PDB file of all heavy atoms in Angstrom:
ATOM      1  N   TRP A   1       0.799  -1.187  -0.002  1.00  0.00           N
ATOM      2  CA  TRP A   1      -0.009  -0.008  -0.001  1.00  0.00           C
ATOM      3  C   TRP A   1       0.880   1.236  -0.025  1.00  0.00           C
ATOM      4  O   TRP A   1       1.924   1.258   0.630  1.00  0.00           O
ATOM      5  CB  TRP A   1      -0.912   0.013   1.205  1.00  0.00           C
ATOM      6  CG  TRP A   1      -2.037  -0.964   1.085  1.00  0.00           C
ATOM      7  CD1 TRP A   1      -2.029  -2.239   1.534  1.00  0.00           C
ATOM      8  CD2 TRP A   1      -3.329  -0.733   0.481  1.00  0.00           C
ATOM      9  NE1 TRP A   1      -3.254  -2.840   1.229  1.00  0.00           N
ATOM     10  CE2 TRP A   1      -4.053  -1.927   0.626  1.00  0.00           C
ATOM     11  CE3 TRP A   1      -3.917   0.361  -0.072  1.00  0.00           C
ATOM     12  CZ2 TRP A   1      -5.329  -2.031   0.134  1.00  0.00           C
ATOM     13  CZ3 TRP A   1      -5.198   0.263  -0.567  1.00  0.00           C
ATOM     14  CH2 TRP A   1      -5.891  -0.944  -0.447  1.00  0.00           C
ATOM     15  N   GLN A   2       0.386   2.256  -0.696  1.00  0.00           N
ATOM     16  CA  GLN A   2       1.091   3.541  -0.739  1.00  0.00           C
ATOM     17  C   GLN A   2       0.129   4.642  -0.296  1.00  0.00           C
ATOM     18  O   GLN A   2      -1.017   4.678  -0.683  1.00  0.00           O
ATOM     19  CB  GLN A   2       1.530   3.806  -2.212  1.00  0.00           C
ATOM     20  CG  GLN A   2       2.155   5.154  -2.415  1.00  0.00           C
ATOM     21  CD  GLN A   2       2.497   5.349  -3.882  1.00  0.00           C
ATOM     22  OE1 GLN A   2       3.011   4.431  -4.489  1.00  0.00           O
ATOM     23  NE2 GLN A   2       2.187   6.478  -4.436  1.00  0.00           N
ATOM     24  N   ALA A   3       0.624   5.505   0.581  1.00  0.00           N
ATOM     25  CA  ALA A   3      -0.179   6.691   1.006  1.00  0.00           C
ATOM     26  C   ALA A   3       0.586   7.957   0.621  1.00  0.00           C
ATOM     27  O   ALA A   3       1.800   8.048   0.745  1.00  0.00           O
ATOM     28  CB  ALA A   3      -0.415   6.641   2.505  1.00  0.00           C
ATOM     29  N   GLU A   4      -0.135   8.939   0.113  1.00  0.00           N
ATOM     30  CA  GLU A   4       0.483  10.176  -0.339  1.00  0.00           C
ATOM     31  C   GLU A   4      -0.340  11.379   0.110  1.00  0.00           C
ATOM     32  O   GLU A   4      -1.604  11.338   0.060  1.00  0.00           O
ATOM     33  CB  GLU A   4       0.574  10.193  -1.876  1.00  0.00           C
ATOM     34  CG  GLU A   4       1.318  11.374  -2.441  1.00  0.00           C
ATOM     35  CD  GLU A   4       1.452  11.246  -3.948  1.00  0.00           C
ATOM     36  OE1 GLU A   4       1.294  10.140  -4.522  1.00  0.00           O
ATOM     37  OE2 GLU A   4       1.754  12.287  -4.566  1.00  0.00           O
ATOM     38  N   LEU A   5       0.317  12.385   0.633  1.00  0.00           N
ATOM     39  CA  LEU A   5      -0.299  13.646   1.043  1.00  0.00           C
ATOM     40  C   LEU A   5       0.690  14.787   0.779  1.00  0.00           C
ATOM     41  O   LEU A   5       1.781  14.749   1.228  1.00  0.00           O
ATOM     42  CB  LEU A   5      -0.645  13.576   2.553  1.00  0.00           C
ATOM     43  CG  LEU A   5      -1.381  14.785   3.121  1.00  0.00           C
ATOM     44  CD1 LEU A   5      -2.725  14.988   2.345  1.00  0.00           C
ATOM     45  CD2 LEU A   5      -1.665  14.558   4.573  1.00  0.00           C
ATOM     46  N   GLY A   6       0.258  15.718  -0.088  1.00  0.00           N
ATOM     47  CA  GLY A   6       1.143  16.732  -0.533  1.00  0.00           C
ATOM     48  C   GLY A   6       2.238  16.097  -1.337  1.00  0.00           C
ATOM     49  O   GLY A   6       1.984  15.281  -2.210  1.00  0.00           O
ATOM     50  N   ASN A   7       3.484  16.480  -1.054  1.00  0.00           N
ATOM     51  CA  ASN A   7       4.618  15.850  -1.771  1.00  0.00           C
ATOM     52  C   ASN A   7       5.281  14.818  -0.933  1.00  0.00           C
ATOM     53  O   ASN A   7       6.465  14.482  -1.170  1.00  0.00           O
ATOM     54  CB  ASN A   7       5.574  16.922  -2.286  1.00  0.00           C
ATOM     55  CG  ASN A   7       6.132  17.742  -1.186  1.00  0.00           C
ATOM     56  OD1 ASN A   7       5.791  17.580  -0.077  1.00  0.00           O
ATOM     57  ND2 ASN A   7       7.016  18.690  -1.605  1.00  0.00           N
ATOM     58  N   LEU A   8       4.618  14.248   0.051  1.00  0.00           N
ATOM     59  CA  LEU A   8       5.167  13.207   0.878  1.00  0.00           C
ATOM     60  C   LEU A   8       4.443  11.869   0.541  1.00  0.00           C
ATOM     61  O   LEU A   8       3.234  11.821   0.456  1.00  0.00           O
ATOM     62  CB  LEU A   8       4.926  13.528   2.398  1.00  0.00           C
ATOM     63  CG  LEU A   8       5.490  12.521   3.358  1.00  0.00           C
ATOM     64  CD1 LEU A   8       7.028  12.436   3.268  1.00  0.00           C
ATOM     65  CD2 LEU A   8       5.086  12.937   4.762  1.00  0.00           C
ATOM     66  N   GLU A   9       5.286  10.864   0.363  1.00  0.00           N
ATOM     67  CA  GLU A   9       4.754   9.554  -0.013  1.00  0.00           C
ATOM     68  C   GLU A   9       5.455   8.454   0.778  1.00  0.00           C
ATOM     69  O   GLU A   9       6.638   8.478   0.953  1.00  0.00           O
ATOM     70  CB  GLU A   9       5.007   9.368  -1.513  1.00  0.00           C
ATOM     71  CG  GLU A   9       4.676   8.035  -2.055  1.00  0.00           C
ATOM     72  CD  GLU A   9       5.069   7.932  -3.506  1.00  0.00           C
ATOM     73  OE1 GLU A   9       4.705   8.732  -4.334  1.00  0.00           O
ATOM     74  OE2 GLU A   9       5.903   6.969  -3.813  1.00  0.00           O
ATOM     75  N   VAL A  10       4.683   7.503   1.251  1.00  0.00           N
ATOM     76  CA  VAL A  10       5.231   6.315   1.887  1.00  0.00           C
ATOM     77  C   VAL A  10       4.667   5.090   1.109  1.00  0.00           C
ATOM     78  O   VAL A  10       3.507   5.150   0.630  1.00  0.00           O
ATOM     79  CB  VAL A  10       4.885   6.200   3.393  1.00  0.00           C
ATOM     80  CG1 VAL A  10       5.534   7.305   4.176  1.00  0.00           C
ATOM     81  CG2 VAL A  10       3.376   6.144   3.644  1.00  0.00           C
ATOM     82  N   SER A  11       5.456   4.094   0.953  1.00  0.00           N
ATOM     83  CA  SER A  11       4.981   2.951   0.216  1.00  0.00           C
ATOM     84  C   SER A  11       5.558   1.636   0.736  1.00  0.00           C
ATOM     85  O   SER A  11       6.476   1.650   1.553  1.00  0.00           O
ATOM     86  CB  SER A  11       5.390   3.105  -1.272  1.00  0.00           C
ATOM     87  OG  SER A  11       6.767   3.234  -1.411  1.00  0.00           O
ATOM     88  N   GLY A  12       4.909   0.542   0.347  1.00  0.00           N
ATOM     89  CA  GLY A  12       5.332  -0.786   0.720  1.00  0.00           C
ATOM     90  C   GLY A  12       4.695  -1.306   1.995  1.00  0.00           C
ATOM     91  O   GLY A  12       5.106  -2.331   2.542  1.00  0.00           O
ATOM     92  N   ALA A  13       3.651  -0.635   2.480  1.00  0.00           N
ATOM     93  CA  ALA A  13       2.996  -1.053   3.722  1.00  0.00           C
ATOM     94  C   ALA A  13       2.131  -2.276   3.454  1.00  0.00           C
ATOM     95  O   ALA A  13       1.541  -2.436   2.367  1.00  0.00           O
ATOM     96  CB  ALA A  13       2.157   0.074   4.294  1.00  0.00           C
ATOM     97  N   ALA A  14       2.003  -3.142   4.465  1.00  0.00           N
ATOM     98  CA  ALA A  14       1.234  -4.358   4.322  1.00  0.00           C
ATOM     99  C   ALA A  14      -0.288  -4.098   4.323  1.00  0.00           C
ATOM    100  O   ALA A  14      -1.040  -4.875   3.764  1.00  0.00           O
ATOM    101  CB  ALA A  14       1.584  -5.307   5.443  1.00  0.00           C
ATOM    102  N   THR A  15      -0.720  -3.060   4.957  1.00  0.00           N
ATOM    103  CA  THR A  15      -2.159  -2.721   5.032  1.00  0.00           C
ATOM    104  C   THR A  15      -2.375  -1.258   4.763  1.00  0.00           C
ATOM    105  O   THR A  15      -1.448  -0.453   4.961  1.00  0.00           O
ATOM    106  CB  THR A  15      -2.749  -3.080   6.401  1.00  0.00           C
ATOM    107  OG1 THR A  15      -2.238  -2.174   7.383  1.00  0.00           O
ATOM    108  CG2 THR A  15      -2.481  -4.529   6.791  1.00  0.00           C
ATOM    109  N   PRO A  16      -3.569  -0.840   4.418  1.00  0.00           N
ATOM    110  CA  PRO A  16      -3.822   0.596   4.196  1.00  0.00           C
ATOM    111  C   PRO A  16      -3.672   1.375   5.523  1.00  0.00           C
ATOM    112  O   PRO A  16      -3.210   2.486   5.536  1.00  0.00           O
ATOM    113  CB  PRO A  16      -5.258   0.653   3.675  1.00  0.00           C
ATOM    114  CG  PRO A  16      -5.863  -0.678   3.896  1.00  0.00           C
ATOM    115  CD  PRO A  16      -4.739  -1.643   4.040  1.00  0.00           C
ATOM    116  N   GLN A  17      -4.088   0.766   6.620  1.00  0.00           N
ATOM    117  CA  GLN A  17      -3.974   1.406   7.945  1.00  0.00           C
ATOM    118  C   GLN A  17      -2.492   1.674   8.254  1.00  0.00           C
ATOM    119  O   GLN A  17      -2.136   2.771   8.747  1.00  0.00           O
ATOM    120  CB  GLN A  17      -4.589   0.558   9.019  1.00  0.00           C
ATOM    121  CG  GLN A  17      -4.527   1.202  10.362  1.00  0.00           C
ATOM    122  CD  GLN A  17      -5.168   0.315  11.468  1.00  0.00           C
ATOM    123  OE1 GLN A  17      -5.779  -0.697  11.157  1.00  0.00           O
ATOM    124  NE2 GLN A  17      -5.054   0.736  12.699  1.00  0.00           N
ATOM    125  N   ILE A  18      -1.611   0.741   8.031  1.00  0.00           N
ATOM    126  CA  ILE A  18      -0.211   0.916   8.305  1.00  0.00           C
ATOM    127  C   ILE A  18       0.361   2.026   7.404  1.00  0.00           C
ATOM    128  O   ILE A  18       1.172   2.869   7.831  1.00  0.00           O
ATOM    129  CB  ILE A  18       0.602  -0.389   8.107  1.00  0.00           C
ATOM    130  CG1 ILE A  18       0.210  -1.397   9.220  1.00  0.00           C
ATOM    131  CG2 ILE A  18       2.108  -0.124   8.116  1.00  0.00           C
ATOM    132  CD1 ILE A  18       0.748  -2.796   9.020  1.00  0.00           C
ATOM    133  N   ALA A  19       0.001   2.075   6.148  1.00  0.00           N
ATOM    134  CA  ALA A  19       0.489   3.148   5.239  1.00  0.00           C
ATOM    135  C   ALA A  19       0.080   4.507   5.762  1.00  0.00           C
ATOM    136  O   ALA A  19       0.899   5.430   5.793  1.00  0.00           O
ATOM    137  CB  ALA A  19      -0.117   2.913   3.864  1.00  0.00           C
ATOM    138  N   LEU A  20      -1.142   4.656   6.256  1.00  0.00           N
ATOM    139  CA  LEU A  20      -1.592   5.956   6.789  1.00  0.00           C
ATOM    140  C   LEU A  20      -0.897   6.296   8.094  1.00  0.00           C
ATOM    141  O   LEU A  20      -0.599   7.439   8.362  1.00  0.00           O
ATOM    142  CB  LEU A  20      -3.129   5.908   6.986  1.00  0.00           C
ATOM    143  CG  LEU A  20      -3.909   5.846   5.674  1.00  0.00           C
ATOM    144  CD1 LEU A  20      -5.352   5.486   5.986  1.00  0.00           C
ATOM    145  CD2 LEU A  20      -3.825   7.178   4.941  1.00  0.00           C
ATOM    146  N   GLU A  21      -0.639   5.274   8.932  1.00  0.00           N
ATOM    147  CA  GLU A  21       0.068   5.469  10.159  1.00  0.00           C
ATOM    148  C   GLU A  21       1.510   5.890   9.911  1.00  0.00           C
ATOM    149  O   GLU A  21       2.053   6.750  10.620  1.00  0.00           O
ATOM    150  CB  GLU A  21      -0.021   4.249  11.067  1.00  0.00           C
ATOM    151  CG  GLU A  21      -1.377   4.006  11.618  1.00  0.00           C
ATOM    152  CD  GLU A  21      -1.548   2.657  12.307  1.00  0.00           C
ATOM    153  OE1 GLU A  21      -0.648   1.804  12.180  1.00  0.00           O
ATOM    154  OE2 GLU A  21      -2.564   2.487  12.967  1.00  0.00           O
ATOM    155  N   LEU A  22       2.141   5.335   8.890  1.00  0.00           N
ATOM    156  CA  LEU A  22       3.510   5.735   8.505  1.00  0.00           C
ATOM    157  C   LEU A  22       3.532   7.186   8.064  1.00  0.00           C
ATOM    158  O   LEU A  22       4.409   7.959   8.461  1.00  0.00           O
ATOM    159  CB  LEU A  22       4.039   4.844   7.412  1.00  0.00           C
ATOM    160  CG  LEU A  22       4.427   3.409   7.807  1.00  0.00           C
ATOM    161  CD1 LEU A  22       4.684   2.576   6.565  1.00  0.00           C
ATOM    162  CD2 LEU A  22       5.642   3.444   8.716  1.00  0.00           C
ATOM    163  N   LEU A  23       2.576   7.584   7.268  1.00  0.00           N
ATOM    164  CA  LEU A  23       2.476   8.953   6.816  1.00  0.00           C
ATOM    165  C   LEU A  23       2.272   9.910   8.006  1.00  0.00           C
ATOM    166  O   LEU A  23       2.942  10.900   8.119  1.00  0.00           O
ATOM    167  CB  LEU A  23       1.236   9.059   5.838  1.00  0.00           C
ATOM    168  CG  LEU A  23       1.123  10.309   5.072  1.00  0.00           C
ATOM    169  CD1 LEU A  23       2.284  10.450   4.057  1.00  0.00           C
ATOM    170  CD2 LEU A  23      -0.184  10.322   4.300  1.00  0.00           C
ATOM    171  N   ARG A  24       1.403   9.492   8.922  1.00  0.00           N
ATOM    172  CA  ARG A  24       1.176  10.308  10.148  1.00  0.00           C
ATOM    173  C   ARG A  24       2.479  10.466  10.935  1.00  0.00           C
ATOM    174  O   ARG A  24       2.859  11.558  11.354  1.00  0.00           O
ATOM    175  CB  ARG A  24       0.128   9.610  11.016  1.00  0.00           C
ATOM    176  CG  ARG A  24      -0.105  10.288  12.377  1.00  0.00           C
ATOM    177  CD  ARG A  24      -0.645   9.340  13.410  1.00  0.00           C
ATOM    178  NE  ARG A  24       0.331   8.268  13.713  1.00  0.00           N
ATOM    179  CZ  ARG A  24      -0.015   7.114  14.191  1.00  0.00           C
ATOM    180  NH1 ARG A  24      -1.234   6.799  14.452  1.00  0.00           N
ATOM    181  NH2 ARG A  24       0.887   6.212  14.385  1.00  0.00           N
ATOM    182  N   ASP A  25       3.195   9.325  11.103  1.00  0.00           N
ATOM    183  CA  ASP A  25       4.433   9.369  11.860  1.00  0.00           C
ATOM    184  C   ASP A  25       5.481  10.241  11.248  1.00  0.00           C
ATOM    185  O   ASP A  25       6.260  10.958  11.967  1.00  0.00           O
ATOM    186  CB  ASP A  25       4.972   7.965  12.061  1.00  0.00           C
ATOM    187  CG  ASP A  25       4.096   7.154  12.994  1.00  0.00           C
ATOM    188  OD1 ASP A  25       3.210   7.689  13.668  1.00  0.00           O
ATOM    189  OD2 ASP A  25       4.292   5.883  13.016  1.00  0.00           O
ATOM    190  N   VAL A  26       5.545  10.314   9.904  1.00  0.00           N
ATOM    191  CA  VAL A  26       6.542  11.141   9.222  1.00  0.00           C
ATOM    192  C   VAL A  26       6.192  12.627   9.586  1.00  0.00           C
ATOM    193  O   VAL A  26       7.062  13.384   9.980  1.00  0.00           O
ATOM    194  CB  VAL A  26       6.545  10.954   7.747  1.00  0.00           C
ATOM    195  CG1 VAL A  26       7.359  12.009   7.024  1.00  0.00           C
ATOM    196  CG2 VAL A  26       7.099   9.562   7.429  1.00  0.00           C
ATOM    197  N   PHE A  27       4.935  13.030   9.488  1.00  0.00           N
ATOM    198  CA  PHE A  27       4.551  14.380   9.839  1.00  0.00           C
ATOM    199  C   PHE A  27       4.807  14.711  11.301  1.00  0.00           C
ATOM    200  O   PHE A  27       5.213  15.800  11.639  1.00  0.00           O
ATOM    201  CB  PHE A  27       3.120  14.684   9.414  1.00  0.00           C
ATOM    202  CG  PHE A  27       2.939  14.999   7.984  1.00  0.00           C
ATOM    203  CD1 PHE A  27       2.312  14.102   7.092  1.00  0.00           C
ATOM    204  CD2 PHE A  27       3.465  16.154   7.394  1.00  0.00           C
ATOM    205  CE1 PHE A  27       2.178  14.355   5.761  1.00  0.00           C
ATOM    206  CE2 PHE A  27       3.316  16.442   6.102  1.00  0.00           C
ATOM    207  CZ  PHE A  27       2.699  15.574   5.238  1.00  0.00           C
ATOM    208  N   LEU A  28       4.500  13.753  12.179  1.00  0.00           N
ATOM    209  CA  LEU A  28       4.762  13.961  13.595  1.00  0.00           C
ATOM    210  C   LEU A  28       6.231  14.190  13.877  1.00  0.00           C
ATOM    211  O   LEU A  28       6.653  15.061  14.654  1.00  0.00           O
ATOM    212  CB  LEU A  28       4.247  12.814  14.442  1.00  0.00           C
ATOM    213  CG  LEU A  28       2.733  12.667  14.553  1.00  0.00           C
ATOM    214  CD1 LEU A  28       2.343  11.376  15.291  1.00  0.00           C
ATOM    215  CD2 LEU A  28       2.114  13.873  15.229  1.00  0.00           C
ATOM    216  N   ASN A  29       7.084  13.377  13.214  1.00  0.00           N
ATOM    217  CA  ASN A  29       8.526  13.540  13.405  1.00  0.00           C
ATOM    218  C   ASN A  29       9.006  14.840  12.824  1.00  0.00           C
ATOM    219  O   ASN A  29       9.966  15.495  13.392  1.00  0.00           O
ATOM    220  CB  ASN A  29       9.283  12.359  12.766  1.00  0.00           C
ATOM    221  CG  ASN A  29       9.092  11.079  13.605  1.00  0.00           C
ATOM    222  OD1 ASN A  29       8.987  11.141  14.817  1.00  0.00           O
ATOM    223  ND2 ASN A  29       9.072   9.948  12.964  1.00  0.00           N
ATOM    224  N   LEU A  30       8.463  15.246  11.679  1.00  0.00           N
ATOM    225  CA  LEU A  30       8.877  16.569  11.128  1.00  0.00           C
ATOM    226  C   LEU A  30       8.518  17.709  12.079  1.00  0.00           C
ATOM    227  O   LEU A  30       9.308  18.606  12.284  1.00  0.00           O
ATOM    228  CB  LEU A  30       8.161  16.776   9.761  1.00  0.00           C
ATOM    229  CG  LEU A  30       8.653  16.015   8.589  1.00  0.00           C
ATOM    230  CD1 LEU A  30       7.708  16.122   7.422  1.00  0.00           C
ATOM    231  CD2 LEU A  30      10.045  16.460   8.179  1.00  0.00           C
ATOM    232  N   THR A  31       7.349  17.631  12.647  1.00  0.00           N
ATOM    233  CA  THR A  31       6.917  18.665  13.642  1.00  0.00           C
ATOM    234  C   THR A  31       7.816  18.690  14.849  1.00  0.00           C
ATOM    235  O   THR A  31       8.282  19.713  15.272  1.00  0.00           O
ATOM    236  CB  THR A  31       5.439  18.411  14.043  1.00  0.00           C
ATOM    237  OG1 THR A  31       4.641  18.471  12.852  1.00  0.00           O
ATOM    238  CG2 THR A  31       4.975  19.489  15.008  1.00  0.00           C
ATOM    239  N   ALA A  32       8.138  17.496  15.395  1.00  0.00           N
ATOM    240  CA  ALA A  32       8.974  17.450  16.555  1.00  0.00           C
ATOM    241  C   ALA A  32      10.386  17.917  16.242  1.00  0.00           C
ATOM    242  O   ALA A  32      10.998  18.644  17.033  1.00  0.00           O
ATOM    243  CB  ALA A  32       9.053  15.993  17.088  1.00  0.00           C
ATOM    244  N   ASN A  33      10.878  17.609  15.050  1.00  0.00           N
ATOM    245  CA  ASN A  33      12.201  18.091  14.651  1.00  0.00           C
ATOM    246  C   ASN A  33      12.233  19.597  14.565  1.00  0.00           C
ATOM    247  O   ASN A  33      13.227  20.233  14.967  1.00  0.00           O
ATOM    248  CB  ASN A  33      12.610  17.443  13.333  1.00  0.00           C
ATOM    249  CG  ASN A  33      14.013  17.808  12.904  1.00  0.00           C
ATOM    250  OD1 ASN A  33      14.914  17.667  13.669  1.00  0.00           O
ATOM    251  ND2 ASN A  33      14.153  18.260  11.675  1.00  0.00           N
ATOM    252  N   GLU A  34      11.210  20.202  13.985  1.00  0.00           N
ATOM    253  CA  GLU A  34      11.224  21.652  13.850  1.00  0.00           C
ATOM    254  C   GLU A  34      11.124  22.337  15.187  1.00  0.00           C
ATOM    255  O   GLU A  34      11.697  23.374  15.454  1.00  0.00           O
ATOM    256  CB  GLU A  34      10.015  22.103  12.986  1.00  0.00           C
ATOM    257  CG  GLU A  34      10.264  21.771  11.546  1.00  0.00           C
ATOM    258  CD  GLU A  34       9.125  22.169  10.679  1.00  0.00           C
ATOM    259  OE1 GLU A  34       8.175  22.812  11.146  1.00  0.00           O
ATOM    260  OE2 GLU A  34       9.146  21.797   9.471  1.00  0.00           O
ATOM    261  N   ARG A  35      10.408  21.732  16.153  1.00  0.00           N
ATOM    262  CA  ARG A  35      10.326  22.295  17.504  1.00  0.00           C
ATOM    263  C   ARG A  35      11.680  22.234  18.190  1.00  0.00           C
ATOM    264  O   ARG A  35      11.914  23.052  19.120  1.00  0.00           O
ATOM    265  CB  ARG A  35       9.252  21.541  18.298  1.00  0.00           C
ATOM    266  CG  ARG A  35       7.863  21.874  17.850  1.00  0.00           C
ATOM    267  CD  ARG A  35       6.819  21.213  18.686  1.00  0.00           C
ATOM    268  NE  ARG A  35       5.496  21.556  18.201  1.00  0.00           N
ATOM    269  CZ  ARG A  35       4.418  20.854  18.372  1.00  0.00           C
ATOM    270  NH1 ARG A  35       4.495  19.690  19.039  1.00  0.00           N
ATOM    271  NH2 ARG A  35       3.281  21.256  17.887  1.00  0.00           N
ATOM    272  N   ARG A  36      12.493  21.278  17.803  1.00  0.00           N
ATOM    273  CA  ARG A  36      13.863  21.205  18.407  1.00  0.00           C
ATOM    274  C   ARG A  36      14.821  22.067  17.661  1.00  0.00           C
ATOM    275  O   ARG A  36      16.029  22.052  17.970  1.00  0.00           O
ATOM    276  CB  ARG A  36      14.306  19.724  18.378  1.00  0.00           C
ATOM    277  CG  ARG A  36      13.631  18.830  19.382  1.00  0.00           C
ATOM    278  CD  ARG A  36      14.347  17.498  19.441  1.00  0.00           C
ATOM    279  NE  ARG A  36      14.472  16.885  18.131  1.00  0.00           N
ATOM    280  CZ  ARG A  36      13.714  15.860  17.683  1.00  0.00           C
ATOM    281  NH1 ARG A  36      12.736  15.405  18.376  1.00  0.00           N
ATOM    282  NH2 ARG A  36      13.914  15.352  16.511  1.00  0.00           N
TER     283      ARG A  36
END
């Protein structure tokens, strides 16, 4: 499964839920990184 939002894409997930969770985690990590 592949999830895409804006110009961010994650692929290779076993389920659609995992693909969306990976996408969420990338954005959460980006936000945390910027706060640091």
